[in-house]
Amino acid sequence: MPDSHRETPSPEALNDAIRTLWARAGEQRRSLTADEQRIYQVLVAAWAEATGAEQELAA
């Protein structure tokens, strides 16, 4: 049975994943592939949600 209570990655971890995705494409001197673009969109949405949650906690 899959664990439905997975811990959400931190904004820092998500940011690192985004940077890694772009760095890999940059090293190969290419744009993101269609799959990488989809991954990027998911990562950015998760990052925005995580940073929004952190700001709410800080308030």
PDB file of N, CA and C in Angstrom:
ATOM      1  N   MET A   1       0.850  -1.184   0.000  1.00  0.00           N
ATOM      2  CA  MET A   1       0.000   0.000   0.000  1.00  0.00           C
ATOM      3  C   MET A   1       0.891   1.241   0.000  1.00  0.00           C
ATOM      4  N   PRO A   2       0.677   2.183  -0.923  1.00  0.00           N
ATOM      5  CA  PRO A   2       1.513   3.387  -0.971  1.00  0.00           C
ATOM      6  C   PRO A   2       1.254   4.283   0.233  1.00  0.00           C
ATOM      7  N   ASP A   3       2.290   4.967   0.671  1.00  0.00           N
ATOM      8  CA  ASP A   3       2.187   5.881   1.801  1.00  0.00           C
ATOM      9  C   ASP A   3       1.581   7.195   1.322  1.00  0.00           C
ATOM     10  N   SER A   4       0.357   7.491   1.738  1.00  0.00           N
ATOM     11  CA  SER A   4      -0.307   8.714   1.293  1.00  0.00           C
ATOM     12  C   SER A   4       0.071   9.906   2.167  1.00  0.00           C
ATOM     13  N   HIS A   5       0.895   9.676   3.188  1.00  0.00           N
ATOM     14  CA  HIS A   5       1.308  10.749   4.085  1.00  0.00           C
ATOM     15  C   HIS A   5       2.792  11.048   3.915  1.00  0.00           C
ATOM     16  N   ARG A   6       3.209  11.156   2.670  1.00  0.00           N
ATOM     17  CA  ARG A   6       4.618  11.469   2.403  1.00  0.00           C
ATOM     18  C   ARG A   6       4.932  12.880   2.863  1.00  0.00           C
ATOM     19  N   GLU A   7       6.156  13.058   3.317  1.00  0.00           N
ATOM     20  CA  GLU A   7       6.600  14.385   3.727  1.00  0.00           C
ATOM     21  C   GLU A   7       6.816  15.248   2.487  1.00  0.00           C
ATOM     22  N   THR A   8       6.349  16.478   2.555  1.00  0.00           N
ATOM     23  CA  THR A   8       6.521  17.405   1.443  1.00  0.00           C
ATOM     24  C   THR A   8       7.966  17.895   1.428  1.00  0.00           C
ATOM     25  N   PRO A   9       8.611  17.897   0.254  1.00  0.00           N
ATOM     26  CA  PRO A   9       9.991  18.407   0.196  1.00  0.00           C
ATOM     27  C   PRO A   9      10.040  19.878   0.606  1.00  0.00           C
ATOM     28  N   SER A  10      11.145  20.269   1.184  1.00  0.00           N
ATOM     29  CA  SER A  10      11.332  21.663   1.590  1.00  0.00           C
ATOM     30  C   SER A  10      11.488  22.540   0.348  1.00  0.00           C
ATOM     31  N   PRO A  11      11.232  23.842   0.497  1.00  0.00           N
ATOM     32  CA  PRO A  11      11.471  24.750  -0.631  1.00  0.00           C
ATOM     33  C   PRO A  11      12.904  24.670  -1.140  1.00  0.00           C
ATOM     34  N   GLU A  12      13.846  24.477  -0.216  1.00  0.00           N
ATOM     35  CA  GLU A  12      15.256  24.382  -0.609  1.00  0.00           C
ATOM     36  C   GLU A  12      15.504  23.150  -1.468  1.00  0.00           C
ATOM     37  N   ALA A  13      14.906  22.020  -1.089  1.00  0.00           N
ATOM     38  CA  ALA A  13      15.072  20.787  -1.865  1.00  0.00           C
ATOM     39  C   ALA A  13      14.430  20.930  -3.239  1.00  0.00           C
ATOM     40  N   LEU A  14      13.269  21.564  -3.294  1.00  0.00           N
ATOM     41  CA  LEU A  14      12.604  21.767  -4.579  1.00  0.00           C
ATOM     42  C   LEU A  14      13.422  22.713  -5.454  1.00  0.00           C
ATOM     43  N   ASN A  15      13.967  23.769  -4.849  1.00  0.00           N
ATOM     44  CA  ASN A  15      14.798  24.710  -5.593  1.00  0.00           C
ATOM     45  C   ASN A  15      16.032  24.009  -6.142  1.00  0.00           C
ATOM     46  N   ASP A  16      16.636  23.142  -5.343  1.00  0.00           N
ATOM     47  CA  ASP A  16      17.803  22.378  -5.811  1.00  0.00           C
ATOM     48  C   ASP A  16      17.428  21.503  -7.005  1.00  0.00           C
ATOM     49  N   ALA A  17      16.251  20.873  -6.959  1.00  0.00           N
ATOM     50  CA  ALA A  17      15.810  20.026  -8.070  1.00  0.00           C
ATOM     51  C   ALA A  17      15.596  20.855  -9.333  1.00  0.00           C
ATOM     52  N   ILE A  18      15.034  22.052  -9.170  1.00  0.00           N
ATOM     53  CA  ILE A  18      14.828  22.954 -10.322  1.00  0.00           C
ATOM     54  C   ILE A  18      16.178  23.363 -10.912  1.00  0.00           C
ATOM     55  N   ARG A  19      17.096  23.742 -10.052  1.00  0.00           N
ATOM     56  CA  ARG A  19      18.430  24.148 -10.528  1.00  0.00           C
ATOM     57  C   ARG A  19      19.143  23.000 -11.238  1.00  0.00           C
ATOM     58  N   THR A  20      19.021  21.804 -10.689  1.00  0.00           N
ATOM     59  CA  THR A  20      19.659  20.636 -11.293  1.00  0.00           C
ATOM     60  C   THR A  20      19.092  20.361 -12.680  1.00  0.00           C
ATOM     61  N   LEU A  21      17.781  20.490 -12.806  1.00  0.00           N
ATOM     62  CA  LEU A  21      17.130  20.273 -14.101  1.00  0.00           C
ATOM     63  C   LEU A  21      17.673  21.246 -15.147  1.00  0.00           C
ATOM     64  N   TRP A  22      17.746  22.522 -14.791  1.00  0.00           N
ATOM     65  CA  TRP A  22      18.252  23.531 -15.728  1.00  0.00           C
ATOM     66  C   TRP A  22      19.747  23.364 -15.985  1.00  0.00           C
ATOM     67  N   ALA A  23      20.504  23.003 -14.946  1.00  0.00           N
ATOM     68  CA  ALA A  23      21.948  22.826 -15.113  1.00  0.00           C
ATOM     69  C   ALA A  23      22.244  21.692 -16.088  1.00  0.00           C
ATOM     70  N   ARG A  24      21.495  20.604 -15.968  1.00  0.00           N
ATOM     71  CA  ARG A  24      21.707  19.461 -16.865  1.00  0.00           C
ATOM     72  C   ARG A  24      21.455  19.872 -18.316  1.00  0.00           C
ATOM     73  N   ALA A  25      20.376  20.615 -18.546  1.00  0.00           N
ATOM     74  CA  ALA A  25      20.083  21.070 -19.911  1.00  0.00           C
ATOM     75  C   ALA A  25      21.161  22.048 -20.383  1.00  0.00           C
ATOM     76  N   GLY A  26      21.590  22.936 -19.484  1.00  0.00           N
ATOM     77  CA  GLY A  26      22.609  23.922 -19.830  1.00  0.00           C
ATOM     78  C   GLY A  26      23.939  23.288 -20.185  1.00  0.00           C
ATOM     79  N   GLU A  27      24.303  22.250 -19.448  1.00  0.00           N
ATOM     80  CA  GLU A  27      25.562  21.551 -19.733  1.00  0.00           C
ATOM     81  C   GLU A  27      25.537  20.928 -21.126  1.00  0.00           C
ATOM     82  N   GLN A  28      24.343  20.521 -21.544  1.00  0.00           N
ATOM     83  CA  GLN A  28      24.193  19.905 -22.864  1.00  0.00           C
ATOM     84  C   GLN A  28      23.820  20.939 -23.924  1.00  0.00           C
ATOM     85  N   ARG A  29      23.809  22.213 -23.515  1.00  0.00           N
ATOM     86  CA  ARG A  29      23.508  23.341 -24.418  1.00  0.00           C
ATOM     87  C   ARG A  29      22.217  23.127 -25.198  1.00  0.00           C
ATOM     88  N   ARG A  30      21.163  22.845 -24.431  1.00  0.00           N
ATOM     89  CA  ARG A  30      19.864  22.619 -25.047  1.00  0.00           C
ATOM     90  C   ARG A  30      18.768  23.165 -24.147  1.00  0.00           C
ATOM     91  N   SER A  31      17.589  23.305 -24.723  1.00  0.00           N
ATOM     92  CA  SER A  31      16.415  23.685 -23.948  1.00  0.00           C
ATOM     93  C   SER A  31      15.895  22.458 -23.211  1.00  0.00           C
ATOM     94  N   LEU A  32      14.968  22.686 -22.307  1.00  0.00           N
ATOM     95  CA  LEU A  32      14.344  21.557 -21.629  1.00  0.00           C
ATOM     96  C   LEU A  32      13.514  20.752 -22.629  1.00  0.00           C
ATOM     97  N   THR A  33      13.535  19.435 -22.482  1.00  0.00           N
ATOM     98  CA  THR A  33      12.683  18.580 -23.308  1.00  0.00           C
ATOM     99  C   THR A  33      11.239  18.744 -22.837  1.00  0.00           C
ATOM    100  N   ALA A  34      10.302  18.197 -23.575  1.00  0.00           N
ATOM    101  CA  ALA A  34       8.893  18.282 -23.189  1.00  0.00           C
ATOM    102  C   ALA A  34       8.682  17.635 -21.816  1.00  0.00           C
ATOM    103  N   ASP A  35       9.309  16.491 -21.586  1.00  0.00           N
ATOM    104  CA  ASP A  35       9.189  15.833 -20.273  1.00  0.00           C
ATOM    105  C   ASP A  35       9.788  16.700 -19.169  1.00  0.00           C
ATOM    106  N   GLU A  36      10.947  17.279 -19.440  1.00  0.00           N
ATOM    107  CA  GLU A  36      11.587  18.136 -18.448  1.00  0.00           C
ATOM    108  C   GLU A  36      10.749  19.383 -18.175  1.00  0.00           C
ATOM    109  N   GLN A  37      10.098  19.915 -19.192  1.00  0.00           N
ATOM    110  CA  GLN A  37       9.228  21.076 -18.996  1.00  0.00           C
ATOM    111  C   GLN A  37       8.062  20.726 -18.076  1.00  0.00           C
ATOM    112  N   ARG A  38       7.497  19.530 -18.237  1.00  0.00           N
ATOM    113  CA  ARG A  38       6.406  19.091 -17.356  1.00  0.00           C
ATOM    114  C   ARG A  38       6.914  18.932 -15.924  1.00  0.00           C
ATOM    115  N   ILE A  39       8.093  18.336 -15.777  1.00  0.00           N
ATOM    116  CA  ILE A  39       8.683  18.180 -14.442  1.00  0.00           C
ATOM    117  C   ILE A  39       8.938  19.553 -13.822  1.00  0.00           C
ATOM    118  N   TYR A  40       9.470  20.461 -14.608  1.00  0.00           N
ATOM    119  CA  TYR A  40       9.744  21.825 -14.144  1.00  0.00           C
ATOM    120  C   TYR A  40       8.471  22.490 -13.637  1.00  0.00           C
ATOM    121  N   GLN A  41       7.390  22.363 -14.382  1.00  0.00           N
ATOM    122  CA  GLN A  41       6.120  22.985 -13.977  1.00  0.00           C
ATOM    123  C   GLN A  41       5.629  22.418 -12.648  1.00  0.00           C
ATOM    124  N   VAL A  42       5.752  21.111 -12.472  1.00  0.00           N
ATOM    125  CA  VAL A  42       5.336  20.479 -11.211  1.00  0.00           C
ATOM    126  C   VAL A  42       6.225  20.963 -10.063  1.00  0.00           C
ATOM    127  N   LEU A  43       7.534  21.014 -10.305  1.00  0.00           N
ATOM    128  CA  LEU A  43       8.462  21.467  -9.272  1.00  0.00           C
ATOM    129  C   LEU A  43       8.200  22.915  -8.870  1.00  0.00           C
ATOM    130  N   VAL A  44       7.964  23.779  -9.847  1.00  0.00           N
ATOM    131  CA  VAL A  44       7.719  25.193  -9.548  1.00  0.00           C
ATOM    132  C   VAL A  44       6.405  25.353  -8.772  1.00  0.00           C
ATOM    133  N   ALA A  45       5.377  24.622  -9.159  1.00  0.00           N
ATOM    134  CA  ALA A  45       4.098  24.690  -8.435  1.00  0.00           C
ATOM    135  C   ALA A  45       4.280  24.206  -6.992  1.00  0.00           C
ATOM    136  N   ALA A  46       5.032  23.127  -6.804  1.00  0.00           N
ATOM    137  CA  ALA A  46       5.282  22.603  -5.455  1.00  0.00           C
ATOM    138  C   ALA A  46       6.111  23.590  -4.647  1.00  0.00           C
ATOM    139  N   TRP A  47       7.098  24.218  -5.293  1.00  0.00           N
ATOM    140  CA  TRP A  47       7.928  25.210  -4.617  1.00  0.00           C
ATOM    141  C   TRP A  47       7.079  26.408  -4.171  1.00  0.00           C
ATOM    142  N   ALA A  48       6.216  26.892  -5.069  1.00  0.00           N
ATOM    143  CA  ALA A  48       5.358  28.035  -4.744  1.00  0.00           C
ATOM    144  C   ALA A  48       4.434  27.685  -3.574  1.00  0.00           C
ATOM    145  N   GLU A  49       3.900  26.484  -3.576  1.00  0.00           N
ATOM    146  CA  GLU A  49       3.033  26.043  -2.488  1.00  0.00           C
ATOM    147  C   GLU A  49       3.826  25.946  -1.173  1.00  0.00           C
ATOM    148  N   ALA A  50       5.022  25.398  -1.248  1.00  0.00           N
ATOM    149  CA  ALA A  50       5.851  25.247  -0.055  1.00  0.00           C
ATOM    150  C   ALA A  50       6.282  26.596   0.513  1.00  0.00           C
ATOM    151  N   THR A  51       6.651  27.520  -0.344  1.00  0.00           N
ATOM    152  CA  THR A  51       7.075  28.835   0.156  1.00  0.00           C
ATOM    153  C   THR A  51       5.886  29.610   0.682  1.00  0.00           C
ATOM    154  N   GLY A  52       4.723  29.428   0.080  1.00  0.00           N
ATOM    155  CA  GLY A  52       3.507  30.068   0.600  1.00  0.00           C
ATOM    156  C   GLY A  52       3.158  29.541   1.971  1.00  0.00           C
ATOM    157  N   ALA A  53       3.301  28.234   2.165  1.00  0.00           N
ATOM    158  CA  ALA A  53       3.020  27.618   3.464  1.00  0.00           C
ATOM    159  C   ALA A  53       4.002  28.127   4.515  1.00  0.00           C
ATOM    160  N   GLU A  54       5.265  28.271   4.134  1.00  0.00           N
ATOM    161  CA  GLU A  54       6.260  28.789   5.087  1.00  0.00           C
ATOM    162  C   GLU A  54       5.942  30.216   5.491  1.00  0.00           C
ATOM    163  N   GLN A  55       5.490  31.032   4.531  1.00  0.00           N
ATOM    164  CA  GLN A  55       5.160  32.427   4.847  1.00  0.00           C
ATOM    165  C   GLN A  55       3.953  32.497   5.776  1.00  0.00           C
ATOM    166  N   GLU A  56       2.984  31.598   5.584  1.00  0.00           N
ATOM    167  CA  GLU A  56       1.813  31.571   6.467  1.00  0.00           C
ATOM    168  C   GLU A  56       2.222  31.206   7.884  1.00  0.00           C
ATOM    169  N   LEU A  57       3.163  30.259   8.012  1.00  0.00           N
ATOM    170  CA  LEU A  57       3.630  29.854   9.338  1.00  0.00           C
ATOM    171  C   LEU A  57       4.386  30.994  10.027  1.00  0.00           C
ATOM    172  N   ALA A  58       5.083  31.794   9.229  1.00  0.00           N
ATOM    173  CA  ALA A  58       5.875  32.887   9.790  1.00  0.00           C
ATOM    174  C   ALA A  58       5.008  34.055  10.240  1.00  0.00           C
ATOM    175  N   ALA A  59       3.812  34.138   9.689  1.00  0.00           N
ATOM    176  CA  ALA A  59       2.931  35.282  10.007  1.00  0.00           C
ATOM    177  C   ALA A  59       2.270  35.149  11.362  1.00  0.00           C
TER     178      ALA A  59
END
